[in-house]
Amino acid sequence: MYVPRLPLILLTVLAVLFGGGWLADSIAASRVERHISAAVEKQSGLEVSPRVNVGGVPYLAALVTGEIPTVSVHALDVDVAGLGMVNAQTELNKITVTREQVLSGEIAGSPASSFTRTIRLDGVALGRLLGITDLDIANPYDISPAGGAAAEAQLTGTPFNRREPSTVIVDLRLVGDEFHMTPRELIDAPADLSPAEADAIRAAFAFTLNTRTLPLAGRASRVNMSGGSIFFEAERHNVTVRLADLSPVDASGTG
């Protein structure tokens, strides 16, 4: 089948230009991500570089718009004093930048519309705080959690070094700066427990924490349970970007 050469040549040129543009955009975005990752690693004294993602498709559209849609920093297994290993995610939205900042990734000092930090405590981290080494966290109702100022979780573990684990439904509440985990119902426990022992088991799953001591750069505004972990989230609006804001171990914010 005969194909006119001119349309074929035009399609080939467009494909090359598109492919070259996509490659250049990917290289620019990757360079910025590496720069921010290295800066956060140095600022935080991390042992492993955090994963950084810059939003915008294409990323270099920010050269025209003057705005990077999102910058997110993911740090896994960060050792936080008093908490142990936690996972942290920080996200900045709508960062206003110059052309030079788009290419360099030097975004410190730029205004952003919002800042969100999420800290995840899994069963190991929360169990360390409770003194329960085999703690398991689950959704008590097998439904998608809503999150907010209140949530619920099902905890299973073996307090007091007993031979059999117990399962308790707990309420998760944010009250001002504080997080309260309050046992509501003991739903599974060894059969030989006395009423006093049952009360002691329930009490072993109680916990209170000032969320400003978490590396949230502010007090928690949401608590949620998902995927076997408890999540705390803090959010601020109309912020100026600081490297400390992107640090997964920073707890000095003013939110």
Protein backbone atom coordinates (compact mmCIF):
# COMPACT_ATOMS: atom_id res chain seq x y z
CA MET A 1 0.00 0.00 0.00
CA TYR A 2 1.39 3.36 -1.05
CA VAL A 3 1.78 5.96 1.73
CA PRO A 4 2.50 9.57 0.69
CA ARG A 5 6.02 10.47 1.83
CA LEU A 6 5.24 13.99 3.14
CA PRO A 7 2.67 12.97 5.79
CA LEU A 8 4.95 10.10 6.83
CA ILE A 9 7.89 12.49 7.22
CA LEU A 10 5.76 14.93 9.23
CA LEU A 11 4.57 12.17 11.55
CA THR A 12 8.16 11.02 12.04
CA VAL A 13 9.34 14.54 12.85
CA LEU A 14 6.49 15.06 15.33
CA ALA A 15 7.24 11.75 17.01
CA VAL A 16 10.92 12.67 17.35
CA LEU A 17 10.09 16.13 18.71
CA PHE A 18 7.56 14.71 21.16
CA GLY A 19 9.95 11.98 22.29
CA GLY A 20 12.80 14.44 22.67
CA GLY A 21 10.60 16.84 24.62
CA TRP A 22 9.39 14.09 26.94
CA LEU A 23 12.98 12.98 27.55
CA ALA A 24 14.15 16.53 28.29
CA ASP A 25 11.23 17.04 30.66
CA SER A 26 11.95 13.78 32.49
CA ILE A 27 15.64 14.68 32.85
CA ALA A 28 14.78 18.12 34.24
CA ALA A 29 12.27 16.70 36.73
CA SER A 30 14.68 13.96 37.83
CA ARG A 31 17.46 16.51 38.38
CA VAL A 32 15.18 18.63 40.58
CA GLU A 33 13.99 15.56 42.52
CA ARG A 34 17.58 14.49 43.20
CA HIS A 35 18.52 17.99 44.36
CA ILE A 36 15.59 18.25 46.79
CA SER A 37 16.21 14.71 48.05
CA ALA A 38 19.87 15.45 48.76
CA ALA A 39 19.02 18.74 50.48
CA VAL A 40 16.41 17.08 52.73
CA GLU A 41 18.76 14.19 53.49
CA LYS A 42 21.48 16.63 54.57
CA GLN A 43 19.07 18.81 56.56
CA SER A 44 17.60 15.82 58.40
CA GLY A 45 20.74 13.72 58.81
CA LEU A 46 18.96 10.75 57.25
CA GLU A 47 20.77 7.51 56.53
CA VAL A 48 18.76 6.92 53.33
CA SER A 49 17.79 9.50 50.74
CA PRO A 50 14.04 10.20 50.75
CA ARG A 51 12.05 9.66 47.57
CA VAL A 52 10.96 12.94 46.00
CA ASN A 53 8.32 13.48 43.32
CA VAL A 54 7.63 16.77 41.58
CA GLY A 55 4.22 17.16 39.98
CA GLY A 56 3.19 18.64 36.68
CA VAL A 57 2.83 17.00 33.27
CA PRO A 58 4.96 18.19 31.68
CA TYR A 59 7.06 19.42 34.61
CA LEU A 60 8.70 22.16 32.53
CA ALA A 61 5.29 23.77 32.02
CA ALA A 62 6.19 25.49 35.31
CA LEU A 63 8.60 27.64 33.28
CA VAL A 64 5.51 29.25 31.77
CA THR A 65 3.02 29.03 34.63
CA GLY A 66 5.49 30.00 37.37
CA GLU A 67 4.04 27.26 39.58
CA ILE A 68 5.08 23.73 40.49
CA PRO A 69 1.79 21.88 41.22
CA THR A 70 3.16 19.51 43.88
CA VAL A 71 6.35 18.45 45.59
CA SER A 72 6.15 15.34 47.76
CA VAL A 73 8.83 13.78 49.94
CA HIS A 74 8.54 10.17 51.15
CA ALA A 75 10.84 8.91 53.90
CA LEU A 76 10.64 5.29 55.06
CA ASP A 77 11.86 3.79 58.34
CA VAL A 78 13.02 7.06 59.88
CA ASP A 79 14.28 6.68 63.45
CA VAL A 80 12.50 9.34 65.52
CA ALA A 81 13.47 9.83 69.15
CA GLY A 82 10.77 8.47 71.46
CA LEU A 83 8.86 6.80 68.61
CA GLY A 84 11.24 4.43 66.91
CA MET A 85 10.87 3.77 63.19
CA VAL A 86 8.13 5.74 61.43
CA ASN A 87 7.23 6.51 57.82
CA ALA A 88 6.64 10.11 56.82
CA GLN A 89 5.22 11.87 53.77
CA THR A 90 5.31 15.62 53.18
CA GLU A 91 3.50 17.37 50.36
CA LEU A 92 3.60 20.98 49.21
CA ASN A 93 0.99 22.25 46.77
CA LYS A 94 1.07 25.11 44.28
CA ILE A 95 4.59 26.40 44.89
CA THR A 96 5.22 29.76 43.23
CA VAL A 97 8.67 29.73 41.62
CA THR A 98 10.96 31.60 39.26
CA ARG A 99 12.31 30.07 36.06
CA GLU A 100 15.65 29.53 37.79
CA GLN A 101 13.97 27.64 40.65
CA VAL A 102 12.09 25.41 38.22
CA LEU A 103 15.41 24.25 36.79
CA SER A 104 17.46 24.17 40.00
CA GLY A 105 14.99 22.85 42.56
CA GLU A 106 16.03 25.57 45.04
CA ILE A 107 12.50 26.10 46.33
CA ALA A 108 13.31 27.25 49.88
CA GLY A 109 11.72 30.64 50.52
CA SER A 110 9.01 30.19 47.90
CA PRO A 111 5.33 30.59 48.82
CA ALA A 112 3.10 27.51 48.67
CA SER A 113 -0.67 27.26 48.99
CA SER A 114 -0.59 24.33 51.44
CA PHE A 115 1.65 21.99 53.38
CA THR A 116 0.61 18.50 54.51
CA ARG A 117 2.65 16.11 56.65
CA THR A 118 1.53 12.53 57.28
CA ILE A 119 3.17 10.24 59.83
CA ARG A 120 2.46 6.49 59.81
CA LEU A 121 2.82 4.34 62.90
CA ASP A 122 2.64 0.61 62.18
CA GLY A 123 2.14 -2.14 64.73
CA VAL A 124 5.83 -2.25 65.59
CA ALA A 125 6.09 1.50 66.27
CA LEU A 126 2.84 1.75 68.22
CA GLY A 127 3.55 -1.51 70.04
CA ARG A 128 6.86 -0.08 71.20
CA LEU A 129 5.02 2.85 72.77
CA LEU A 130 2.55 0.50 74.48
CA GLY A 131 5.11 -2.08 75.51
CA ILE A 132 3.34 -4.74 73.42
CA THR A 133 5.85 -6.33 71.07
CA ASP A 134 3.39 -8.32 68.93
CA LEU A 135 0.82 -5.58 68.31
CA ASP A 136 -1.37 -5.89 65.22
CA ILE A 137 -3.59 -3.04 63.98
CA ALA A 138 -6.70 -3.73 61.91
CA ASN A 139 -9.96 -2.13 60.83
CA PRO A 140 -12.67 -3.42 63.18
CA TYR A 141 -15.47 -3.23 60.62
CA ASP A 142 -13.79 -4.15 57.32
CA ILE A 143 -14.82 -0.88 55.71
CA SER A 144 -12.95 2.09 54.31
CA PRO A 145 -11.98 4.38 57.21
CA ALA A 146 -13.22 7.96 57.11
CA GLY A 147 -10.58 9.67 59.22
CA GLY A 148 -10.77 13.11 60.78
CA ALA A 149 -10.74 14.12 64.42
CA ALA A 150 -11.92 10.61 65.36
CA ALA A 151 -11.50 7.05 64.13
CA GLU A 152 -11.51 3.48 65.43
CA ALA A 153 -9.13 0.54 65.32
CA GLN A 154 -8.90 -3.08 66.38
CA LEU A 155 -5.72 -3.90 68.28
CA THR A 156 -4.45 -7.41 68.97
CA GLY A 157 -1.46 -8.12 71.16
CA THR A 158 -0.13 -9.78 74.29
CA PRO A 159 0.41 -7.35 77.17
CA PHE A 160 2.12 -8.33 80.42
CA ASN A 161 3.90 -11.21 78.63
CA ARG A 162 0.86 -13.45 78.87
CA ARG A 163 0.78 -16.60 76.77
CA GLU A 164 -2.31 -15.68 74.70
CA PRO A 165 -3.10 -12.44 72.87
CA SER A 166 -6.16 -10.27 73.42
CA THR A 167 -8.13 -8.11 71.00
CA VAL A 168 -9.56 -4.71 71.89
CA ILE A 169 -11.60 -2.14 69.96
CA VAL A 170 -10.20 1.34 70.62
CA ASP A 171 -11.44 4.84 69.87
CA LEU A 172 -8.89 7.19 68.31
CA ARG A 173 -9.54 10.84 69.16
CA LEU A 174 -7.83 14.17 68.64
CA VAL A 175 -8.62 16.69 71.37
CA GLY A 176 -6.67 19.91 70.94
CA ASP A 177 -3.00 19.00 70.82
CA GLU A 178 -3.56 15.54 72.25
CA PHE A 179 -4.25 12.14 70.75
CA HIS A 180 -6.25 9.76 72.94
CA MET A 181 -6.51 6.02 72.26
CA THR A 182 -9.24 4.71 74.53
CA PRO A 183 -10.18 1.02 74.81
CA ARG A 184 -13.91 0.58 74.31
CA GLU A 185 -14.50 -3.15 74.10
CA LEU A 186 -12.53 -6.30 74.86
CA ILE A 187 -13.73 -8.67 72.15
CA ASP A 188 -11.30 -11.56 72.50
CA ALA A 189 -9.21 -12.63 75.49
CA PRO A 190 -8.03 -15.76 77.32
CA ALA A 191 -10.96 -17.58 78.92
CA ASP A 192 -9.44 -17.70 82.38
CA LEU A 193 -9.29 -13.92 82.91
CA SER A 194 -10.83 -12.53 86.07
CA PRO A 195 -12.80 -9.25 85.82
CA ALA A 196 -9.83 -7.38 87.30
CA GLU A 197 -7.44 -8.96 84.80
CA ALA A 198 -9.80 -8.09 81.93
CA ASP A 199 -9.83 -4.46 83.08
CA ALA A 200 -6.03 -4.49 83.22
CA ILE A 201 -5.85 -5.91 79.68
CA ARG A 202 -8.12 -3.14 78.38
CA ALA A 203 -6.07 -0.50 80.18
CA ALA A 204 -2.87 -1.82 78.59
CA PHE A 205 -4.15 -0.64 75.20
CA ALA A 206 -4.83 2.92 76.39
CA PHE A 207 -2.47 5.64 75.22
CA THR A 208 -2.22 9.43 75.22
CA LEU A 209 0.20 11.50 73.18
CA ASN A 210 0.83 15.20 72.61
CA THR A 211 0.83 15.33 68.80
CA ARG A 212 3.17 18.32 68.80
CA THR A 213 5.90 15.89 69.82
CA LEU A 214 5.37 14.02 66.55
CA PRO A 215 7.46 15.11 63.53
CA LEU A 216 4.39 16.74 61.99
CA ALA A 217 5.65 20.36 61.99
CA GLY A 218 2.43 21.23 63.84
CA ARG A 219 -0.32 19.54 65.79
CA ALA A 220 -2.29 16.73 64.16
CA SER A 221 -5.53 17.73 62.46
CA ARG A 222 -6.57 14.25 61.33
CA VAL A 223 -6.16 10.68 62.59
CA ASN A 224 -6.94 7.61 60.53
CA MET A 225 -6.45 3.85 60.50
CA SER A 226 -5.61 2.12 57.24
CA GLY A 227 -3.56 -0.82 56.04
CA GLY A 228 -2.49 -1.97 59.48
CA SER A 229 -1.20 1.44 60.56
CA ILE A 230 -2.40 4.59 62.29
CA PHE A 231 -1.89 7.82 60.37
CA PHE A 232 -1.57 11.32 61.78
CA GLU A 233 -1.85 14.32 59.49
CA ALA A 234 -1.13 18.00 59.95
CA GLU A 235 -1.97 20.71 57.42
CA ARG A 236 -1.12 24.37 57.04
CA HIS A 237 -2.08 26.89 54.39
CA ASN A 238 -0.25 29.80 52.73
CA VAL A 239 3.22 28.79 53.89
CA THR A 240 6.75 29.75 52.98
CA VAL A 241 8.80 26.71 52.05
CA ARG A 242 11.58 25.74 54.48
CA LEU A 243 13.81 22.70 54.15
CA ALA A 244 12.84 21.87 57.73
CA ASP A 245 9.24 21.59 56.51
CA LEU A 246 10.35 18.79 54.19
CA SER A 247 12.31 17.03 56.91
CA PRO A 248 10.54 13.87 58.15
CA VAL A 249 12.02 14.33 61.62
CA ASP A 250 11.09 18.00 62.14
CA ALA A 251 8.65 18.72 64.96
CA SER A 252 9.23 22.45 65.23
CA GLY A 253 6.40 23.81 63.12
CA THR A 254 3.90 26.41 64.16
CA GLY A 255 0.74 24.80 62.77
